Amino acid sequence: MATIIVVTFGDQYADYLWVCIAGLGVAAFGGLIFLLQRHAVRRGDRSAQRGL
């Protein structure tokens, strides 16, 4: 959401663009780990986290 606002308003918030892009990257990485853990639970891996 913040990235859309920064891109929409352009120069006024240009300093925050890279922070927003980094936030999207961190969120994507966290989502990937979450999906990998869910897949591991469904496979029955012993090292997978339970309750996801």
C-alpha atoms as a PDB file:
ATOM      1  CA  MET A   1       0.000   0.000   0.000  1.00  0.00           C
ATOM      2  CA  ALA A   2       2.745   2.434   0.921  1.00  0.00           C
ATOM      3  CA  THR A   3       4.633   1.649  -2.277  1.00  0.00           C
ATOM      4  CA  ILE A   4       1.587   2.570  -4.355  1.00  0.00           C
ATOM      5  CA  ILE A   5       1.289   5.896  -2.525  1.00  0.00           C
ATOM      6  CA  VAL A   6       4.990   6.662  -2.961  1.00  0.00           C
ATOM      7  CA  VAL A   7       4.889   5.847  -6.677  1.00  0.00           C
ATOM      8  CA  THR A   8       1.660   7.819  -7.171  1.00  0.00           C
ATOM      9  CA  PHE A   9       2.832  11.021  -5.499  1.00  0.00           C
ATOM     10  CA  GLY A  10       6.281  10.893  -7.095  1.00  0.00           C
ATOM     11  CA  ASP A  11       8.903  13.424  -6.039  1.00  0.00           C
ATOM     12  CA  GLN A  12       7.282  14.334  -2.745  1.00  0.00           C
ATOM     13  CA  TYR A  13       8.050  10.885  -1.274  1.00  0.00           C
ATOM     14  CA  ALA A  14      10.961   9.840  -3.517  1.00  0.00           C
ATOM     15  CA  ASP A  15      13.259   9.289  -0.522  1.00  0.00           C
ATOM     16  CA  TYR A  16      11.000   6.507   0.756  1.00  0.00           C
ATOM     17  CA  LEU A  17      10.818   4.512  -2.487  1.00  0.00           C
ATOM     18  CA  TRP A  18      13.748   2.209  -1.711  1.00  0.00           C
ATOM     19  CA  VAL A  19      12.465   1.605   1.814  1.00  0.00           C
ATOM     20  CA  CYS A  20       9.123   0.534   0.363  1.00  0.00           C
ATOM     21  CA  ILE A  21      10.791  -1.725  -2.195  1.00  0.00           C
ATOM     22  CA  ALA A  22      12.904  -3.309   0.547  1.00  0.00           C
ATOM     23  CA  GLY A  23       9.732  -3.873   2.575  1.00  0.00           C
ATOM     24  CA  LEU A  24       8.142  -5.663  -0.357  1.00  0.00           C
ATOM     25  CA  GLY A  25      11.227  -7.859  -0.660  1.00  0.00           C
ATOM     26  CA  VAL A  26      11.192  -8.757   3.035  1.00  0.00           C
ATOM     27  CA  ALA A  27       7.464  -9.541   2.852  1.00  0.00           C
ATOM     28  CA  ALA A  28       7.974 -11.762  -0.201  1.00  0.00           C
ATOM     29  CA  PHE A  29      10.821 -13.604   1.536  1.00  0.00           C
ATOM     30  CA  GLY A  30       8.704 -14.153   4.659  1.00  0.00           C
ATOM     31  CA  GLY A  31       5.783 -15.367   2.570  1.00  0.00           C
ATOM     32  CA  LEU A  32       8.049 -17.812   0.773  1.00  0.00           C
ATOM     33  CA  ILE A  33       9.321 -19.241   4.065  1.00  0.00           C
ATOM     34  CA  PHE A  34       5.725 -19.557   5.308  1.00  0.00           C
ATOM     35  CA  LEU A  35       4.675 -21.442   2.167  1.00  0.00           C
ATOM     36  CA  LEU A  36       7.717 -23.723   2.324  1.00  0.00           C
ATOM     37  CA  GLN A  37       6.944 -24.573   5.952  1.00  0.00           C
ATOM     38  CA  ARG A  38       3.306 -25.364   5.122  1.00  0.00           C
ATOM     39  CA  HIS A  39       4.441 -27.596   2.284  1.00  0.00           C
ATOM     40  CA  ALA A  40       6.881 -29.376   4.600  1.00  0.00           C
ATOM     41  CA  VAL A  41       4.118 -30.011   7.158  1.00  0.00           C
ATOM     42  CA  ARG A  42       1.886 -31.509   4.485  1.00  0.00           C
ATOM     43  CA  ARG A  43       4.751 -33.743   3.337  1.00  0.00           C
ATOM     44  CA  GLY A  44       5.265 -34.866   6.914  1.00  0.00           C
ATOM     45  CA  ASP A  45       8.835 -33.666   7.369  1.00  0.00           C
ATOM     46  CA  ARG A  46       9.978 -33.999  10.969  1.00  0.00           C
ATOM     47  CA  SER A  47      11.794 -30.652  10.882  1.00  0.00           C
ATOM     48  CA  ALA A  48       8.695 -28.675   9.814  1.00  0.00           C
ATOM     49  CA  GLN A  49       6.999 -26.263  12.193  1.00  0.00           C
ATOM     50  CA  ARG A  50       3.566 -27.409  13.325  1.00  0.00           C
ATOM     51  CA  GLY A  51       0.437 -25.272  13.514  1.00  0.00           C
ATOM     52  CA  LEU A  52       0.866 -23.188  10.353  1.00  0.00           C
END
